[in-house]
Amino acid sequence: MAKLNTFLGNVVTQIINPIILLLAAVAFVAFLWGVFEFIANAGDETKRKEGKSAILWGLVGLVIIFGAYGIINVALGAFTLSPNGSTTVQGVLAPIHQTTP
């Protein structure tokens, strides 16, 4: 079980976290681009509509990403496989702390 815990911790910290953080950055940039488009093109209704759409999809992406953190934490807590003994978002994001028994 200790090897599974270590493996799971490595997968979460080395693979899942960078992917989710990259997707969060993309969603945030899409949101900011939508805000910029909405403000910069205040006179053009079609550009404003595109800006609103980018804002909406950026927010939807962020909600999905934060939901993924929640799902990961619930799964880790349900199966008692938390990589570093914590079942919070900070626990998933934090690197594994090796403890000696």
PDB file of N, CA and C in Angstrom:
ATOM      1  N   MET A   1       0.818  -1.185   0.000  1.00  0.00           N
ATOM      2  CA  MET A   1       0.000   0.000   0.000  1.00  0.00           C
ATOM      3  C   MET A   1       0.869   1.259   0.000  1.00  0.00           C
ATOM      4  N   ALA A   2       2.040   1.168   0.591  1.00  0.00           N
ATOM      5  CA  ALA A   2       2.922   2.333   0.623  1.00  0.00           C
ATOM      6  C   ALA A   2       3.436   2.672  -0.777  1.00  0.00           C
ATOM      7  N   LYS A   3       3.706   1.627  -1.566  1.00  0.00           N
ATOM      8  CA  LYS A   3       4.166   1.882  -2.933  1.00  0.00           C
ATOM      9  C   LYS A   3       3.066   2.513  -3.772  1.00  0.00           C
ATOM     10  N   LEU A   4       1.825   2.064  -3.578  1.00  0.00           N
ATOM     11  CA  LEU A   4       0.699   2.649  -4.288  1.00  0.00           C
ATOM     12  C   LEU A   4       0.522   4.109  -3.889  1.00  0.00           C
ATOM     13  N   ASN A   5       0.650   4.377  -2.607  1.00  0.00           N
ATOM     14  CA  ASN A   5       0.543   5.752  -2.112  1.00  0.00           C
ATOM     15  C   ASN A   5       1.634   6.630  -2.722  1.00  0.00           C
ATOM     16  N   THR A   6       2.848   6.140  -2.781  1.00  0.00           N
ATOM     17  CA  THR A   6       3.951   6.891  -3.374  1.00  0.00           C
ATOM     18  C   THR A   6       3.726   7.099  -4.865  1.00  0.00           C
ATOM     19  N   PHE A   7       3.292   6.034  -5.550  1.00  0.00           N
ATOM     20  CA  PHE A   7       3.019   6.151  -6.980  1.00  0.00           C
ATOM     21  C   PHE A   7       1.917   7.161  -7.248  1.00  0.00           C
ATOM     22  N   LEU A   8       0.830   7.078  -6.483  1.00  0.00           N
ATOM     23  CA  LEU A   8      -0.272   8.016  -6.646  1.00  0.00           C
ATOM     24  C   LEU A   8       0.189   9.449  -6.377  1.00  0.00           C
ATOM     25  N   GLY A   9       0.993   9.622  -5.363  1.00  0.00           N
ATOM     26  CA  GLY A   9       1.520  10.950  -5.068  1.00  0.00           C
ATOM     27  C   GLY A   9       2.363  11.493  -6.198  1.00  0.00           C
ATOM     28  N   ASN A  10       3.191  10.645  -6.779  1.00  0.00           N
ATOM     29  CA  ASN A  10       4.016  11.073  -7.909  1.00  0.00           C
ATOM     30  C   ASN A  10       3.178  11.404  -9.131  1.00  0.00           C
ATOM     31  N   VAL A  11       2.150  10.611  -9.411  1.00  0.00           N
ATOM     32  CA  VAL A  11       1.277  10.886 -10.549  1.00  0.00           C
ATOM     33  C   VAL A  11       0.577  12.228 -10.357  1.00  0.00           C
ATOM     34  N   VAL A  12       0.055  12.459  -9.167  1.00  0.00           N
ATOM     35  CA  VAL A  12      -0.667  13.703  -8.907  1.00  0.00           C
ATOM     36  C   VAL A  12       0.270  14.900  -8.999  1.00  0.00           C
ATOM     37  N   THR A  13       1.415  14.832  -8.363  1.00  0.00           N
ATOM     38  CA  THR A  13       2.298  15.997  -8.332  1.00  0.00           C
ATOM     39  C   THR A  13       3.085  16.199  -9.621  1.00  0.00           C
ATOM     40  N   GLN A  14       3.386  15.131 -10.346  1.00  0.00           N
ATOM     41  CA  GLN A  14       4.218  15.258 -11.538  1.00  0.00           C
ATOM     42  C   GLN A  14       3.421  15.371 -12.841  1.00  0.00           C
ATOM     43  N   ILE A  15       2.208  14.822 -12.885  1.00  0.00           N
ATOM     44  CA  ILE A  15       1.451  14.808 -14.136  1.00  0.00           C
ATOM     45  C   ILE A  15       0.161  15.614 -14.035  1.00  0.00           C
ATOM     46  N   ILE A  16      -0.680  15.280 -13.079  1.00  0.00           N
ATOM     47  CA  ILE A  16      -2.007  15.902 -13.006  1.00  0.00           C
ATOM     48  C   ILE A  16      -1.928  17.374 -12.661  1.00  0.00           C
ATOM     49  N   ASN A  17      -1.152  17.730 -11.657  1.00  0.00           N
ATOM     50  CA  ASN A  17      -1.071  19.146 -11.260  1.00  0.00           C
ATOM     51  C   ASN A  17      -0.588  20.057 -12.384  1.00  0.00           C
ATOM     52  N   PRO A  18       0.487  19.725 -13.089  1.00  0.00           N
ATOM     53  CA  PRO A  18       0.900  20.616 -14.184  1.00  0.00           C
ATOM     54  C   PRO A  18      -0.152  20.740 -15.283  1.00  0.00           C
ATOM     55  N   ILE A  19      -0.835  19.652 -15.597  1.00  0.00           N
ATOM     56  CA  ILE A  19      -1.869  19.718 -16.632  1.00  0.00           C
ATOM     57  C   ILE A  19      -3.008  20.615 -16.184  1.00  0.00           C
ATOM     58  N   ILE A  20      -3.475  20.436 -14.958  1.00  0.00           N
ATOM     59  CA  ILE A  20      -4.591  21.241 -14.467  1.00  0.00           C
ATOM     60  C   ILE A  20      -4.181  22.704 -14.337  1.00  0.00           C
ATOM     61  N   LEU A  21      -2.982  22.963 -13.884  1.00  0.00           N
ATOM     62  CA  LEU A  21      -2.539  24.356 -13.771  1.00  0.00           C
ATOM     63  C   LEU A  21      -2.393  25.009 -15.150  1.00  0.00           C
ATOM     64  N   LEU A  22      -1.932  24.254 -16.133  1.00  0.00           N
ATOM     65  CA  LEU A  22      -1.852  24.781 -17.496  1.00  0.00           C
ATOM     66  C   LEU A  22      -3.241  25.110 -18.037  1.00  0.00           C
ATOM     67  N   LEU A  23      -4.181  24.215 -17.832  1.00  0.00           N
ATOM     68  CA  LEU A  23      -5.553  24.465 -18.283  1.00  0.00           C
ATOM     69  C   LEU A  23      -6.173  25.647 -17.554  1.00  0.00           C
ATOM     70  N   ALA A  24      -5.862  25.800 -16.270  1.00  0.00           N
ATOM     71  CA  ALA A  24      -6.371  26.954 -15.523  1.00  0.00           C
ATOM     72  C   ALA A  24      -5.806  28.244 -16.094  1.00  0.00           C
ATOM     73  N   ALA A  25      -4.533  28.232 -16.455  1.00  0.00           N
ATOM     74  CA  ALA A  25      -3.922  29.425 -17.050  1.00  0.00           C
ATOM     75  C   ALA A  25      -4.570  29.760 -18.388  1.00  0.00           C
ATOM     76  N   VAL A  26      -4.848  28.749 -19.203  1.00  0.00           N
ATOM     77  CA  VAL A  26      -5.496  28.974 -20.491  1.00  0.00           C
ATOM     78  C   VAL A  26      -6.900  29.545 -20.297  1.00  0.00           C
ATOM     79  N   ALA A  27      -7.649  29.006 -19.346  1.00  0.00           N
ATOM     80  CA  ALA A  27      -8.998  29.511 -19.078  1.00  0.00           C
ATOM     81  C   ALA A  27      -8.950  30.945 -18.576  1.00  0.00           C
ATOM     82  N   PHE A  28      -7.978  31.265 -17.745  1.00  0.00           N
ATOM     83  CA  PHE A  28      -7.861  32.621 -17.222  1.00  0.00           C
ATOM     84  C   PHE A  28      -7.488  33.607 -18.327  1.00  0.00           C
ATOM     85  N   VAL A  29      -6.590  33.193 -19.220  1.00  0.00           N
ATOM     86  CA  VAL A  29      -6.218  34.050 -20.344  1.00  0.00           C
ATOM     87  C   VAL A  29      -7.425  34.262 -21.261  1.00  0.00           C
ATOM     88  N   ALA A  30      -8.216  33.227 -21.484  1.00  0.00           N
ATOM     89  CA  ALA A  30      -9.419  33.370 -22.302  1.00  0.00           C
ATOM     90  C   ALA A  30     -10.391  34.348 -21.662  1.00  0.00           C
ATOM     91  N   PHE A  31     -10.529  34.258 -20.354  1.00  0.00           N
ATOM     92  CA  PHE A  31     -11.385  35.199 -19.631  1.00  0.00           C
ATOM     93  C   PHE A  31     -10.878  36.632 -19.791  1.00  0.00           C
ATOM     94  N   LEU A  32      -9.575  36.832 -19.578  1.00  0.00           N
ATOM     95  CA  LEU A  32      -9.006  38.180 -19.703  1.00  0.00           C
ATOM     96  C   LEU A  32      -9.129  38.705 -21.134  1.00  0.00           C
ATOM     97  N   TRP A  33      -8.937  37.831 -22.121  1.00  0.00           N
ATOM     98  CA  TRP A  33      -9.083  38.245 -23.516  1.00  0.00           C
ATOM     99  C   TRP A  33     -10.515  38.689 -23.786  1.00  0.00           C
ATOM    100  N   GLY A  34     -11.476  37.978 -23.233  1.00  0.00           N
ATOM    101  CA  GLY A  34     -12.872  38.355 -23.390  1.00  0.00           C
ATOM    102  C   GLY A  34     -13.175  39.705 -22.765  1.00  0.00           C
ATOM    103  N   VAL A  35     -12.607  39.952 -21.591  1.00  0.00           N
ATOM    104  CA  VAL A  35     -12.800  41.256 -20.941  1.00  0.00           C
ATOM    105  C   VAL A  35     -12.189  42.357 -21.793  1.00  0.00           C
ATOM    106  N   PHE A  36     -10.998  42.116 -22.323  1.00  0.00           N
ATOM    107  CA  PHE A  36     -10.335  43.104 -23.177  1.00  0.00           C
ATOM    108  C   PHE A  36     -11.171  43.381 -24.420  1.00  0.00           C
ATOM    109  N   GLU A  37     -11.630  42.314 -25.082  1.00  0.00           N
ATOM    110  CA  GLU A  37     -12.447  42.473 -26.287  1.00  0.00           C
ATOM    111  C   GLU A  37     -13.743  43.210 -25.992  1.00  0.00           C
ATOM    112  N   PHE A  38     -14.353  42.900 -24.874  1.00  0.00           N
ATOM    113  CA  PHE A  38     -15.621  43.523 -24.495  1.00  0.00           C
ATOM    114  C   PHE A  38     -15.445  45.021 -24.270  1.00  0.00           C
ATOM    115  N   ILE A  39     -14.361  45.398 -23.609  1.00  0.00           N
ATOM    116  CA  ILE A  39     -14.130  46.816 -23.304  1.00  0.00           C
ATOM    117  C   ILE A  39     -13.589  47.563 -24.521  1.00  0.00           C
ATOM    118  N   ALA A  40     -12.639  46.971 -25.222  1.00  0.00           N
ATOM    119  CA  ALA A  40     -11.992  47.662 -26.333  1.00  0.00           C
ATOM    120  C   ALA A  40     -12.948  47.901 -27.506  1.00  0.00           C
ATOM    121  N   ASN A  41     -13.900  47.014 -27.687  1.00  0.00           N
ATOM    122  CA  ASN A  41     -14.822  47.125 -28.814  1.00  0.00           C
ATOM    123  C   ASN A  41     -16.236  47.438 -28.329  1.00  0.00           C
ATOM    124  N   ALA A  42     -16.339  48.438 -27.481  1.00  0.00           N
ATOM    125  CA  ALA A  42     -17.633  48.772 -26.886  1.00  0.00           C
ATOM    126  C   ALA A  42     -18.655  49.216 -27.928  1.00  0.00           C
ATOM    127  N   GLY A  43     -18.215  49.771 -29.044  1.00  0.00           N
ATOM    128  CA  GLY A  43     -19.134  50.254 -30.061  1.00  0.00           C
ATOM    129  C   GLY A  43     -19.611  49.194 -31.029  1.00  0.00           C
ATOM    130  N   ASP A  44     -18.908  48.095 -31.146  1.00  0.00           N
ATOM    131  CA  ASP A  44     -19.241  47.046 -32.117  1.00  0.00           C
ATOM    132  C   ASP A  44     -19.952  45.896 -31.399  1.00  0.00           C
ATOM    133  N   GLU A  45     -21.217  45.721 -31.703  1.00  0.00           N
ATOM    134  CA  GLU A  45     -22.030  44.720 -31.000  1.00  0.00           C
ATOM    135  C   GLU A  45     -21.548  43.293 -31.232  1.00  0.00           C
ATOM    136  N   THR A  46     -21.067  42.971 -32.441  1.00  0.00           N
ATOM    137  CA  THR A  46     -20.611  41.606 -32.701  1.00  0.00           C
ATOM    138  C   THR A  46     -19.334  41.286 -31.914  1.00  0.00           C
ATOM    139  N   LYS A  47     -18.427  42.271 -31.826  1.00  0.00           N
ATOM    140  CA  LYS A  47     -17.197  42.059 -31.043  1.00  0.00           C
ATOM    141  C   LYS A  47     -17.518  41.946 -29.551  1.00  0.00           C
ATOM    142  N   ARG A  48     -18.499  42.737 -29.095  1.00  0.00           N
ATOM    143  CA  ARG A  48     -18.907  42.638 -27.693  1.00  0.00           C
ATOM    144  C   ARG A  48     -19.486  41.259 -27.411  1.00  0.00           C
ATOM    145  N   LYS A  49     -20.248  40.719 -28.363  1.00  0.00           N
ATOM    146  CA  LYS A  49     -20.829  39.386 -28.199  1.00  0.00           C
ATOM    147  C   LYS A  49     -19.722  38.335 -28.130  1.00  0.00           C
ATOM    148  N   GLU A  50     -18.689  38.480 -28.965  1.00  0.00           N
ATOM    149  CA  GLU A  50     -17.549  37.560 -28.910  1.00  0.00           C
ATOM    150  C   GLU A  50     -16.830  37.675 -27.566  1.00  0.00           C
ATOM    151  N   GLY A  51     -16.693  38.895 -27.059  1.00  0.00           N
ATOM    152  CA  GLY A  51     -16.073  39.098 -25.754  1.00  0.00           C
ATOM    153  C   GLY A  51     -16.873  38.451 -24.640  1.00  0.00           C
ATOM    154  N   LYS A  52     -18.197  38.607 -24.693  1.00  0.00           N
ATOM    155  CA  LYS A  52     -19.054  37.969 -23.688  1.00  0.00           C
ATOM    156  C   LYS A  52     -18.909  36.458 -23.730  1.00  0.00           C
ATOM    157  N   SER A  53     -18.830  35.926 -24.945  1.00  0.00           N
ATOM    158  CA  SER A  53     -18.674  34.476 -25.096  1.00  0.00           C
ATOM    159  C   SER A  53     -17.344  34.000 -24.504  1.00  0.00           C
ATOM    160  N   ALA A  54     -16.270  34.737 -24.758  1.00  0.00           N
ATOM    161  CA  ALA A  54     -14.962  34.361 -24.214  1.00  0.00           C
ATOM    162  C   ALA A  54     -14.962  34.455 -22.691  1.00  0.00           C
ATOM    163  N   ILE A  55     -15.619  35.470 -22.157  1.00  0.00           N
ATOM    164  CA  ILE A  55     -15.723  35.607 -20.701  1.00  0.00           C
ATOM    165  C   ILE A  55     -16.468  34.402 -20.124  1.00  0.00           C
ATOM    166  N   LEU A  56     -17.602  34.070 -20.744  1.00  0.00           N
ATOM    167  CA  LEU A  56     -18.405  32.948 -20.264  1.00  0.00           C
ATOM    168  C   LEU A  56     -17.618  31.647 -20.293  1.00  0.00           C
ATOM    169  N   TRP A  57     -16.971  31.351 -21.424  1.00  0.00           N
ATOM    170  CA  TRP A  57     -16.248  30.084 -21.529  1.00  0.00           C
ATOM    171  C   TRP A  57     -15.007  30.048 -20.649  1.00  0.00           C
ATOM    172  N   GLY A  58     -14.380  31.207 -20.430  1.00  0.00           N
ATOM    173  CA  GLY A  58     -13.262  31.249 -19.489  1.00  0.00           C
ATOM    174  C   GLY A  58     -13.709  30.921 -18.079  1.00  0.00           C
ATOM    175  N   LEU A  59     -14.849  31.477 -17.671  1.00  0.00           N
ATOM    176  CA  LEU A  59     -15.383  31.176 -16.338  1.00  0.00           C
ATOM    177  C   LEU A  59     -15.823  29.721 -16.227  1.00  0.00           C
ATOM    178  N   VAL A  60     -16.456  29.200 -17.267  1.00  0.00           N
ATOM    179  CA  VAL A  60     -16.859  27.791 -17.255  1.00  0.00           C
ATOM    180  C   VAL A  60     -15.623  26.901 -17.114  1.00  0.00           C
ATOM    181  N   GLY A  61     -14.573  27.224 -17.847  1.00  0.00           N
ATOM    182  CA  GLY A  61     -13.335  26.449 -17.742  1.00  0.00           C
ATOM    183  C   GLY A  61     -12.747  26.486 -16.344  1.00  0.00           C
ATOM    184  N   LEU A  62     -12.750  27.654 -15.723  1.00  0.00           N
ATOM    185  CA  LEU A  62     -12.218  27.760 -14.363  1.00  0.00           C
ATOM    186  C   LEU A  62     -13.052  26.959 -13.374  1.00  0.00           C
ATOM    187  N   VAL A  63     -14.367  26.999 -13.521  1.00  0.00           N
ATOM    188  CA  VAL A  63     -15.231  26.215 -12.629  1.00  0.00           C
ATOM    189  C   VAL A  63     -14.965  24.726 -12.807  1.00  0.00           C
ATOM    190  N   ILE A  64     -14.815  24.279 -14.036  1.00  0.00           N
ATOM    191  CA  ILE A  64     -14.532  22.864 -14.285  1.00  0.00           C
ATOM    192  C   ILE A  64     -13.187  22.473 -13.685  1.00  0.00           C
ATOM    193  N   ILE A  65     -12.196  23.333 -13.816  1.00  0.00           N
ATOM    194  CA  ILE A  65     -10.865  23.019 -13.300  1.00  0.00           C
ATOM    195  C   ILE A  65     -10.877  22.935 -11.781  1.00  0.00           C
ATOM    196  N   PHE A  66     -11.529  23.895 -11.125  1.00  0.00           N
ATOM    197  CA  PHE A  66     -11.603  23.824  -9.669  1.00  0.00           C
ATOM    198  C   PHE A  66     -12.452  22.637  -9.224  1.00  0.00           C
ATOM    199  N   GLY A  67     -13.437  22.260 -10.039  1.00  0.00           N
ATOM    200  CA  GLY A  67     -14.198  21.047  -9.765  1.00  0.00           C
ATOM    201  C   GLY A  67     -13.325  19.807  -9.858  1.00  0.00           C
ATOM    202  N   ALA A  68     -12.394  19.815 -10.794  1.00  0.00           N
ATOM    203  CA  ALA A  68     -11.472  18.679 -10.921  1.00  0.00           C
ATOM    204  C   ALA A  68     -10.633  18.525  -9.657  1.00  0.00           C
ATOM    205  N   TYR A  69     -10.184  19.643  -9.092  1.00  0.00           N
ATOM    206  CA  TYR A  69      -9.456  19.555  -7.823  1.00  0.00           C
ATOM    207  C   TYR A  69     -10.329  18.936  -6.744  1.00  0.00           C
ATOM    208  N   GLY A  70     -11.594  19.334  -6.711  1.00  0.00           N
ATOM    209  CA  GLY A  70     -12.507  18.770  -5.724  1.00  0.00           C
ATOM    210  C   GLY A  70     -12.713  17.280  -5.927  1.00  0.00           C
ATOM    211  N   ILE A  71     -12.883  16.862  -7.175  1.00  0.00           N
ATOM    212  CA  ILE A  71     -13.080  15.443  -7.467  1.00  0.00           C
ATOM    213  C   ILE A  71     -11.840  14.636  -7.086  1.00  0.00           C
ATOM    214  N   ILE A  72     -10.669  15.174  -7.387  1.00  0.00           N
ATOM    215  CA  ILE A  72      -9.435  14.482  -7.016  1.00  0.00           C
ATOM    216  C   ILE A  72      -9.347  14.328  -5.505  1.00  0.00           C
ATOM    217  N   ASN A  73      -9.671  15.391  -4.781  1.00  0.00           N
ATOM    218  CA  ASN A  73      -9.598  15.335  -3.320  1.00  0.00           C
ATOM    219  C   ASN A  73     -10.614  14.363  -2.740  1.00  0.00           C
ATOM    220  N   VAL A  74     -11.819  14.323  -3.298  1.00  0.00           N
ATOM    221  CA  VAL A  74     -12.829  13.382  -2.816  1.00  0.00           C
ATOM    222  C   VAL A  74     -12.370  11.951  -3.083  1.00  0.00           C
ATOM    223  N   ALA A  75     -11.849  11.696  -4.273  1.00  0.00           N
ATOM    224  CA  ALA A  75     -11.380  10.347  -4.599  1.00  0.00           C
ATOM    225  C   ALA A  75     -10.222   9.934  -3.698  1.00  0.00           C
ATOM    226  N   LEU A  76      -9.295  10.834  -3.480  1.00  0.00           N
ATOM    227  CA  LEU A  76      -8.163  10.502  -2.617  1.00  0.00           C
ATOM    228  C   LEU A  76      -8.621  10.247  -1.189  1.00  0.00           C
ATOM    229  N   GLY A  77      -9.563  11.046  -0.714  1.00  0.00           N
ATOM    230  CA  GLY A  77     -10.059  10.862   0.649  1.00  0.00           C
ATOM    231  C   GLY A  77     -10.910   9.610   0.790  1.00  0.00           C
ATOM    232  N   ALA A  78     -11.707   9.286  -0.218  1.00  0.00           N
ATOM    233  CA  ALA A  78     -12.598   8.127  -0.154  1.00  0.00           C
ATOM    234  C   ALA A  78     -11.817   6.825  -0.104  1.00  0.00           C
ATOM    235  N   PHE A  79     -10.726   6.772  -0.805  1.00  0.00           N
ATOM    236  CA  PHE A  79      -9.931   5.557  -0.835  1.00  0.00           C
ATOM    237  C   PHE A  79      -8.708   5.633   0.076  1.00  0.00           C
ATOM    238  N   THR A  80      -8.653   6.673   0.899  1.00  0.00           N
ATOM    239  CA  THR A  80      -7.526   6.930   1.810  1.00  0.00           C
ATOM    240  C   THR A  80      -6.193   6.772   1.104  1.00  0.00           C
ATOM    241  N   LEU A  81      -6.075   7.388  -0.055  1.00  0.00           N
ATOM    242  CA  LEU A  81      -4.850   7.332  -0.840  1.00  0.00           C
ATOM    243  C   LEU A  81      -4.226   8.708  -1.004  1.00  0.00           C
ATOM    244  N   SER A  82      -4.423   9.583  -0.046  1.00  0.00           N
ATOM    245  CA  SER A  82      -3.882  10.924  -0.191  1.00  0.00           C
ATOM    246  C   SER A  82      -2.365  10.880  -0.220  1.00  0.00           C
ATOM    247  N   PRO A  83      -1.763  11.619  -1.142  1.00  0.00           N
ATOM    248  CA  PRO A  83      -0.320  11.525  -1.332  1.00  0.00           C
ATOM    249  C   PRO A  83       0.496  12.027  -0.163  1.00  0.00           C
ATOM    250  N   ASN A  84      -0.025  12.966   0.609  1.00  0.00           N
ATOM    251  CA  ASN A  84       0.773  13.471   1.725  1.00  0.00           C
ATOM    252  C   ASN A  84      -0.040  13.603   3.006  1.00  0.00           C
ATOM    253  N   GLY A  85      -1.083  12.816   3.128  1.00  0.00           N
ATOM    254  CA  GLY A  85      -1.865  12.793   4.348  1.00  0.00           C
ATOM    255  C   GLY A  85      -2.888  13.902   4.457  1.00  0.00           C
ATOM    256  N   SER A  86      -3.067  14.683   3.430  1.00  0.00           N
ATOM    257  CA  SER A  86      -4.012  15.783   3.454  1.00  0.00           C
ATOM    258  C   SER A  86      -5.013  15.606   2.329  1.00  0.00           C
ATOM    259  N   THR A  87      -6.268  15.969   2.578  1.00  0.00           N
ATOM    260  CA  THR A  87      -7.288  15.829   1.546  1.00  0.00           C
ATOM    261  C   THR A  87      -7.850  17.184   1.155  1.00  0.00           C
ATOM    262  N   THR A  88      -7.033  18.197   1.175  1.00  0.00           N
ATOM    263  CA  THR A  88      -7.467  19.519   0.752  1.00  0.00           C
ATOM    264  C   THR A  88      -6.812  19.854  -0.576  1.00  0.00           C
ATOM    265  N   VAL A  89      -7.236  20.953  -1.177  1.00  0.00           N
ATOM    266  CA  VAL A  89      -6.618  21.378  -2.429  1.00  0.00           C
ATOM    267  C   VAL A  89      -5.131  21.610  -2.207  1.00  0.00           C
ATOM    268  N   GLN A  90      -4.776  22.182  -1.068  1.00  0.00           N
ATOM    269  CA  GLN A  90      -3.361  22.396  -0.786  1.00  0.00           C
ATOM    270  C   GLN A  90      -2.643  21.054  -0.666  1.00  0.00           C
ATOM    271  N   GLY A  91      -3.337  20.037  -0.182  1.00  0.00           N
ATOM    272  CA  GLY A  91      -2.735  18.720  -0.069  1.00  0.00           C
ATOM    273  C   GLY A  91      -2.430  18.124  -1.418  1.00  0.00           C
ATOM    274  N   VAL A  92      -3.306  18.337  -2.384  1.00  0.00           N
ATOM    275  CA  VAL A  92      -3.056  17.821  -3.723  1.00  0.00           C
ATOM    276  C   VAL A  92      -1.945  18.612  -4.386  1.00  0.00           C
ATOM    277  N   LEU A  93      -1.923  19.924  -4.159  1.00  0.00           N
ATOM    278  CA  LEU A  93      -0.923  20.758  -4.801  1.00  0.00           C
ATOM    279  C   LEU A  93       0.448  20.637  -4.156  1.00  0.00           C
ATOM    280  N   ALA A  94       0.485  20.312  -2.875  1.00  0.00           N
ATOM    281  CA  ALA A  94       1.757  20.281  -2.156  1.00  0.00           C
ATOM    282  C   ALA A  94       2.553  19.044  -2.556  1.00  0.00           C
ATOM    283  N   PRO A  95       3.873  19.157  -2.570  1.00  0.00           N
ATOM    284  CA  PRO A  95       4.694  17.983  -2.886  1.00  0.00           C
ATOM    285  C   PRO A  95       4.619  16.951  -1.768  1.00  0.00           C
ATOM    286  N   ILE A  96       4.985  15.742  -2.097  1.00  0.00           N
ATOM    287  CA  ILE A  96       4.930  14.646  -1.135  1.00  0.00           C
ATOM    288  C   ILE A  96       6.015  14.841  -0.075  1.00  0.00           C
ATOM    289  N   HIS A  97       5.612  14.660   1.165  1.00  0.00           N
ATOM    290  CA  HIS A  97       6.559  14.733   2.273  1.00  0.00           C
ATOM    291  C   HIS A  97       6.844  13.315   2.718  1.00  0.00           C
ATOM    292  N   GLN A  98       8.078  12.879   2.591  1.00  0.00           N
ATOM    293  CA  GLN A  98       8.460  11.559   2.991  1.00  0.00           C
ATOM    294  C   GLN A  98       8.625  11.521   4.505  1.00  0.00           C
ATOM    295  N   THR A  99       7.922  10.621   5.141  1.00  0.00           N
ATOM    296  CA  THR A  99       8.057  10.442   6.594  1.00  0.00           C
ATOM    297  C   THR A  99       8.563   9.047   6.850  1.00  0.00           C
ATOM    298  N   THR A 100       9.392   8.932   7.835  1.00  0.00           N
ATOM    299  CA  THR A 100       9.907   7.631   8.204  1.00  0.00           C
ATOM    300  C   THR A 100       9.107   7.105   9.371  1.00  0.00           C
ATOM    301  N   PRO A 101       8.683   5.843   9.322  1.00  0.00           N
ATOM    302  CA  PRO A 101       7.871   5.278  10.424  1.00  0.00           C
ATOM    303  C   PRO A 101       8.654   5.036  11.678  1.00  0.00           C
TER     304      PRO A 101
END
